C-alpha atoms as a PDB file:
ATOM      1  CA  MET A   1     -68.417 -58.174 -20.905  1.00  0.00           C
ATOM      2  CA  SER A   2     -66.896 -54.705 -21.298  1.00  0.00           C
ATOM      3  CA  GLN A   3     -64.169 -54.096 -23.819  1.00  0.00           C
ATOM      4  CA  LEU A   4     -60.695 -55.129 -22.682  1.00  0.00           C
ATOM      5  CA  LEU A   5     -57.825 -52.688 -22.604  1.00  0.00           C
ATOM      6  CA  THR A   6     -54.556 -52.883 -24.501  1.00  0.00           C
ATOM      7  CA  ILE A   7     -51.432 -53.935 -22.545  1.00  0.00           C
ATOM      8  CA  ALA A   8     -50.178 -50.383 -22.883  1.00  0.00           C
ATOM      9  CA  GLU A   9     -53.327 -49.081 -21.197  1.00  0.00           C
ATOM     10  CA  VAL A  10     -52.904 -51.660 -18.413  1.00  0.00           C
ATOM     11  CA  LYS A  11     -49.235 -50.742 -17.997  1.00  0.00           C
ATOM     12  CA  ALA A  12     -50.222 -47.045 -17.687  1.00  0.00           C
ATOM     13  CA  ALA A  13     -52.411 -47.973 -14.703  1.00  0.00           C
ATOM     14  CA  ILE A  14     -49.380 -49.088 -12.726  1.00  0.00           C
ATOM     15  CA  ARG A  15     -47.940 -46.377 -10.532  1.00  0.00           C
ATOM     16  CA  ASP A  16     -44.308 -45.946  -9.747  1.00  0.00           C
ATOM     17  CA  VAL A  17     -43.520 -45.107  -6.172  1.00  0.00           C
ATOM     18  CA  PRO A  18     -39.866 -44.118  -5.617  1.00  0.00           C
ATOM     19  CA  ASP A  19     -37.998 -45.047  -2.545  1.00  0.00           C
ATOM     20  CA  PHE A  20     -40.534 -47.578  -1.279  1.00  0.00           C
ATOM     21  CA  PRO A  21     -40.223 -49.635   0.858  1.00  0.00           C
ATOM     22  CA  ARG A  22     -36.687 -48.239   1.237  1.00  0.00           C
ATOM     23  CA  PRO A  23     -34.403 -45.737  -0.574  1.00  0.00           C
ATOM     24  CA  GLY A  24     -33.285 -46.751  -4.050  1.00  0.00           C
ATOM     25  CA  ILE A  25     -36.326 -49.009  -4.773  1.00  0.00           C
ATOM     26  CA  LEU A  26     -38.866 -48.041  -7.452  1.00  0.00           C
ATOM     27  CA  PHE A  27     -42.042 -49.852  -6.300  1.00  0.00           C
ATOM     28  CA  LYS A  28     -44.564 -50.933  -8.978  1.00  0.00           C
ATOM     29  CA  ASP A  29     -47.934 -50.104  -7.331  1.00  0.00           C
ATOM     30  CA  ILE A  30     -50.859 -52.184  -8.631  1.00  0.00           C
ATOM     31  CA  THR A  31     -53.563 -50.454  -6.575  1.00  0.00           C
ATOM     32  CA  PRO A  32     -54.487 -47.939  -9.391  1.00  0.00           C
ATOM     33  CA  LEU A  33     -54.858 -50.972 -11.716  1.00  0.00           C
ATOM     34  CA  LEU A  34     -57.201 -52.644  -9.232  1.00  0.00           C
ATOM     35  CA  ALA A  35     -59.237 -49.447  -8.957  1.00  0.00           C
ATOM     36  CA  GLN A  36     -59.927 -49.572 -12.728  1.00  0.00           C
ATOM     37  CA  PRO A  37     -62.402 -52.431 -13.398  1.00  0.00           C
ATOM     38  CA  ARG A  38     -61.514 -52.633 -17.098  1.00  0.00           C
ATOM     39  CA  ALA A  39     -57.827 -52.841 -16.366  1.00  0.00           C
ATOM     40  CA  PHE A  40     -58.304 -55.485 -13.703  1.00  0.00           C
ATOM     41  CA  GLN A  41     -60.671 -57.515 -15.969  1.00  0.00           C
ATOM     42  CA  THR A  42     -58.098 -57.280 -18.781  1.00  0.00           C
ATOM     43  CA  VAL A  43     -55.330 -58.666 -16.542  1.00  0.00           C
ATOM     44  CA  VAL A  44     -57.582 -61.442 -15.332  1.00  0.00           C
ATOM     45  CA  GLU A  45     -58.503 -62.496 -18.904  1.00  0.00           C
ATOM     46  CA  MET A  46     -54.943 -62.308 -20.106  1.00  0.00           C
ATOM     47  CA  LEU A  47     -53.631 -64.391 -17.181  1.00  0.00           C
ATOM     48  CA  ALA A  48     -56.388 -66.921 -17.680  1.00  0.00           C
ATOM     49  CA  GLY A  49     -55.493 -67.202 -21.268  1.00  0.00           C
ATOM     50  CA  SER A  50     -51.789 -67.650 -20.541  1.00  0.00           C
ATOM     51  CA  ILE A  51     -52.377 -70.216 -17.807  1.00  0.00           C
ATOM     52  CA  GLY A  52     -54.980 -72.022 -19.982  1.00  0.00           C
ATOM     53  CA  ARG A  53     -52.299 -72.683 -22.646  1.00  0.00           C
ATOM     54  CA  HIS A  54     -50.273 -74.628 -20.109  1.00  0.00           C
ATOM     55  CA  GLY A  55     -53.064 -76.894 -19.055  1.00  0.00           C
ATOM     56  CA  ALA A  56     -53.180 -76.095 -15.332  1.00  0.00           C
ATOM     57  CA  ASP A  57     -55.513 -78.180 -13.135  1.00  0.00           C
ATOM     58  CA  GLY A  58     -55.330 -75.617 -10.301  1.00  0.00           C
ATOM     59  CA  LEU A  59     -53.674 -72.435  -9.126  1.00  0.00           C
ATOM     60  CA  VAL A  60     -51.260 -71.633  -6.270  1.00  0.00           C
ATOM     61  CA  ALA A  61     -51.320 -68.008  -5.298  1.00  0.00           C
ATOM     62  CA  ILE A  62     -48.540 -66.304  -3.384  1.00  0.00           C
ATOM     63  CA  GLU A  63     -49.261 -64.033  -0.373  1.00  0.00           C
ATOM     64  CA  SER A  64     -50.505 -61.315  -0.551  1.00  0.00           C
ATOM     65  CA  ARG A  65     -51.050 -59.499  -3.891  1.00  0.00           C
ATOM     66  CA  GLY A  66     -50.954 -62.807  -5.682  1.00  0.00           C
ATOM     67  CA  PHE A  67     -54.174 -63.764  -3.834  1.00  0.00           C
ATOM     68  CA  VAL A  68     -56.008 -60.911  -5.652  1.00  0.00           C
ATOM     69  CA  PHE A  69     -55.054 -62.094  -9.060  1.00  0.00           C
ATOM     70  CA  GLY A  70     -55.074 -65.860  -8.215  1.00  0.00           C
ATOM     71  CA  ALA A  71     -58.580 -65.752  -6.820  1.00  0.00           C
ATOM     72  CA  ALA A  72     -60.008 -63.805  -9.783  1.00  0.00           C
ATOM     73  CA  VAL A  73     -58.271 -66.102 -12.364  1.00  0.00           C
ATOM     74  CA  ALA A  74     -59.264 -69.274 -10.508  1.00  0.00           C
ATOM     75  CA  ALA A  75     -62.975 -68.073 -10.504  1.00  0.00           C
ATOM     76  CA  ARG A  76     -62.760 -67.140 -14.168  1.00  0.00           C
ATOM     77  CA  MET A  77     -61.202 -70.532 -15.097  1.00  0.00           C
ATOM     78  CA  GLY A  78     -63.357 -72.596 -12.763  1.00  0.00           C
ATOM     79  CA  LEU A  79     -60.169 -74.073 -11.167  1.00  0.00           C
ATOM     80  CA  PRO A  80     -59.287 -74.672  -7.541  1.00  0.00           C
ATOM     81  CA  LEU A  81     -57.031 -72.201  -5.655  1.00  0.00           C
ATOM     82  CA  GLN A  82     -54.422 -72.935  -3.031  1.00  0.00           C
ATOM     83  CA  LEU A  83     -52.555 -70.433  -0.910  1.00  0.00           C
ATOM     84  CA  VAL A  84     -48.861 -70.028  -0.255  1.00  0.00           C
ATOM     85  CA  ARG A  85     -48.230 -67.919   2.877  1.00  0.00           C
ATOM     86  CA  LYS A  86     -45.614 -66.845   5.378  1.00  0.00           C
ATOM     87  CA  PRO A  87     -45.087 -69.129   8.312  1.00  0.00           C
ATOM     88  CA  GLY A  88     -47.886 -69.258  10.978  1.00  0.00           C
ATOM     89  CA  LYS A  89     -50.608 -67.837   8.728  1.00  0.00           C
ATOM     90  CA  LEU A  90     -52.333 -71.108   7.557  1.00  0.00           C
ATOM     91  CA  PRO A  91     -54.634 -72.805  10.102  1.00  0.00           C
ATOM     92  CA  TYR A  92     -53.964 -76.452   9.187  1.00  0.00           C
ATOM     93  CA  ARG A  93     -50.817 -78.576   9.012  1.00  0.00           C
ATOM     94  CA  THR A  94     -48.263 -77.268   6.515  1.00  0.00           C
ATOM     95  CA  VAL A  95     -45.195 -78.109   4.620  1.00  0.00           C
ATOM     96  CA  SER A  96     -42.556 -75.335   4.163  1.00  0.00           C
ATOM     97  CA  VAL A  97     -39.611 -74.273   2.070  1.00  0.00           C
ATOM     98  CA  SER A  98     -36.856 -71.937   3.034  1.00  0.00           C
ATOM     99  CA  TYR A  99     -35.215 -69.756   0.319  1.00  0.00           C
ATOM    100  CA  GLU A 100     -32.401 -67.236   0.173  1.00  0.00           C
ATOM    101  CA  LEU A 101     -32.923 -63.528  -0.174  1.00  0.00           C
ATOM    102  CA  GLU A 102     -30.377 -60.880  -1.082  1.00  0.00           C
ATOM    103  CA  TYR A 103     -29.813 -60.440   2.644  1.00  0.00           C
ATOM    104  CA  GLY A 104     -30.834 -63.464   4.712  1.00  0.00           C
ATOM    105  CA  SER A 105     -33.535 -66.014   4.129  1.00  0.00           C
ATOM    106  CA  ASP A 106     -37.288 -66.386   4.264  1.00  0.00           C
ATOM    107  CA  LYS A 107     -39.859 -69.264   4.314  1.00  0.00           C
ATOM    108  CA  VAL A 108     -43.244 -69.962   2.757  1.00  0.00           C
ATOM    109  CA  GLU A 109     -45.829 -72.682   3.516  1.00  0.00           C
ATOM    110  CA  ILE A 110     -48.779 -74.478   2.001  1.00  0.00           C
ATOM    111  CA  HIS A 111     -51.266 -76.892   3.554  1.00  0.00           C
ATOM    112  CA  VAL A 112     -50.098 -80.534   3.538  1.00  0.00           C
ATOM    113  CA  ASP A 113     -53.238 -81.548   1.530  1.00  0.00           C
ATOM    114  CA  ALA A 114     -53.257 -78.603  -0.931  1.00  0.00           C
ATOM    115  CA  ILE A 115     -51.617 -80.269  -3.894  1.00  0.00           C
ATOM    116  CA  GLU A 116     -53.115 -83.335  -5.574  1.00  0.00           C
ATOM    117  CA  PRO A 117     -50.231 -85.586  -6.760  1.00  0.00           C
ATOM    118  CA  GLY A 118     -49.873 -85.652 -10.541  1.00  0.00           C
ATOM    119  CA  LYS A 119     -51.924 -82.528 -11.140  1.00  0.00           C
ATOM    120  CA  ALA A 120     -50.506 -79.432 -12.763  1.00  0.00           C
ATOM    121  CA  TYR A 121     -50.629 -76.070 -10.986  1.00  0.00           C
ATOM    122  CA  ALA A 122     -49.940 -72.539 -12.088  1.00  0.00           C
ATOM    123  CA  VAL A 123     -48.034 -70.455  -9.597  1.00  0.00           C
ATOM    124  CA  VAL A 124     -49.529 -66.914  -9.630  1.00  0.00           C
ATOM    125  CA  ASP A 125     -48.228 -63.642  -8.220  1.00  0.00           C
ATOM    126  CA  ASP A 126     -48.514 -59.951  -9.096  1.00  0.00           C
ATOM    127  CA  LEU A 127     -44.744 -59.510  -9.702  1.00  0.00           C
ATOM    128  CA  ILE A 128     -41.579 -61.474 -10.264  1.00  0.00           C
ATOM    129  CA  ALA A 129     -38.355 -59.704  -9.205  1.00  0.00           C
ATOM    130  CA  THR A 130     -35.486 -61.966  -8.169  1.00  0.00           C
ATOM    131  CA  GLY A 131     -37.749 -65.066  -8.368  1.00  0.00           C
ATOM    132  CA  GLY A 132     -37.038 -66.454  -4.870  1.00  0.00           C
ATOM    133  CA  THR A 133     -40.587 -66.549  -3.671  1.00  0.00           C
ATOM    134  CA  ALA A 134     -41.927 -67.931  -6.860  1.00  0.00           C
ATOM    135  CA  ALA A 135     -39.220 -70.628  -6.961  1.00  0.00           C
ATOM    136  CA  ALA A 136     -40.069 -71.530  -3.374  1.00  0.00           C
ATOM    137  CA  ALA A 137     -43.783 -71.779  -4.200  1.00  0.00           C
ATOM    138  CA  ALA A 138     -43.010 -73.998  -7.244  1.00  0.00           C
ATOM    139  CA  GLU A 139     -40.873 -76.203  -4.984  1.00  0.00           C
ATOM    140  CA  LEU A 140     -43.803 -76.609  -2.564  1.00  0.00           C
ATOM    141  CA  VAL A 141     -45.916 -77.869  -5.477  1.00  0.00           C
ATOM    142  CA  GLU A 142     -43.286 -80.291  -6.532  1.00  0.00           C
ATOM    143  CA  MET A 143     -42.565 -81.490  -2.933  1.00  0.00           C
ATOM    144  CA  GLN A 144     -46.086 -82.704  -2.832  1.00  0.00           C
ATOM    145  CA  ARG A 145     -45.747 -84.544  -6.163  1.00  0.00           C
ATOM    146  CA  GLY A 146     -47.602 -81.935  -8.166  1.00  0.00           C
ATOM    147  CA  ARG A 147     -46.332 -80.490 -11.406  1.00  0.00           C
ATOM    148  CA  VAL A 148     -45.808 -76.812 -12.171  1.00  0.00           C
ATOM    149  CA  ALA A 149     -47.719 -76.032 -15.308  1.00  0.00           C
ATOM    150  CA  CYS A 150     -46.321 -72.457 -15.409  1.00  0.00           C
ATOM    151  CA  CYS A 151     -45.468 -69.439 -13.266  1.00  0.00           C
ATOM    152  CA  ALA A 152     -47.680 -66.463 -14.195  1.00  0.00           C
ATOM    153  CA  PHE A 153     -47.136 -62.791 -13.191  1.00  0.00           C
ATOM    154  CA  VAL A 154     -48.738 -59.468 -14.061  1.00  0.00           C
ATOM    155  CA  ILE A 155     -45.337 -57.697 -13.911  1.00  0.00           C
ATOM    156  CA  GLU A 156     -41.822 -58.879 -14.499  1.00  0.00           C
ATOM    157  CA  LEU A 157     -38.812 -56.819 -13.492  1.00  0.00           C
ATOM    158  CA  ALA A 158     -36.648 -58.408 -16.224  1.00  0.00           C
ATOM    159  CA  PHE A 159     -33.471 -56.652 -15.211  1.00  0.00           C
ATOM    160  CA  LEU A 160     -33.514 -58.730 -11.968  1.00  0.00           C
ATOM    161  CA  ARG A 161     -33.534 -61.963 -13.971  1.00  0.00           C
ATOM    162  CA  GLY A 162     -36.019 -63.825 -11.733  1.00  0.00           C
ATOM    163  CA  ARG A 163     -36.926 -66.032 -14.614  1.00  0.00           C
ATOM    164  CA  GLU A 164     -33.424 -67.669 -14.294  1.00  0.00           C
ATOM    165  CA  ARG A 165     -34.210 -68.748 -10.745  1.00  0.00           C
ATOM    166  CA  LEU A 166     -37.270 -70.629 -11.995  1.00  0.00           C
ATOM    167  CA  GLY A 167     -35.084 -72.950 -14.108  1.00  0.00           C
ATOM    168  CA  ASP A 168     -36.863 -74.664 -16.944  1.00  0.00           C
ATOM    169  CA  ARG A 169     -40.332 -73.962 -15.634  1.00  0.00           C
ATOM    170  CA  ALA A 170     -42.575 -72.005 -18.066  1.00  0.00           C
ATOM    171  CA  VAL A 171     -42.918 -68.376 -17.187  1.00  0.00           C
ATOM    172  CA  GLU A 172     -45.652 -65.993 -18.389  1.00  0.00           C
ATOM    173  CA  SER A 173     -45.622 -62.289 -17.599  1.00  0.00           C
ATOM    174  CA  LEU A 174     -47.961 -59.701 -19.038  1.00  0.00           C
ATOM    175  CA  ILE A 175     -45.830 -56.518 -18.523  1.00  0.00           C
ATOM    176  CA  SER A 176     -42.057 -56.288 -18.470  1.00  0.00           C
ATOM    177  CA  PHE A 177     -39.988 -53.474 -16.967  1.00  0.00           C
END
């Protein structure tokens, strides 16, 4: 295994893109991080360590950048991975949750048989902002009688206070802005 990077080196691999996807937003672009194998490996190892401390039996990754990290961490940990997607994207029967956005609402779904009752799942995504999508994914786990071991993110936009929307669920983030 190659030498892991420091968190400062990983943070330096995240590019700021002003005014994307609309004016006034400073987008945190992870594509340069993904292009650096040591940075990506560092993130996967750190997320696996954080999730491992919470005793997760499986992972639930949120569309779409959460799939990148969730798949790598699930493979690293030898745990099953389930997918949370926008409506109409999963091929089998689903359960869904609607949640409020700043302007309007949205919905996410998971397969009806994705969660094993009584098992603990880590919710994984690249970034937590306001926490709406992560809270909806956690609710999907709990609706199917699973437990949320933790919610794990590469990046946290702390000033948007998304953690608060997750209530008393454990939250792990590697990099905070």
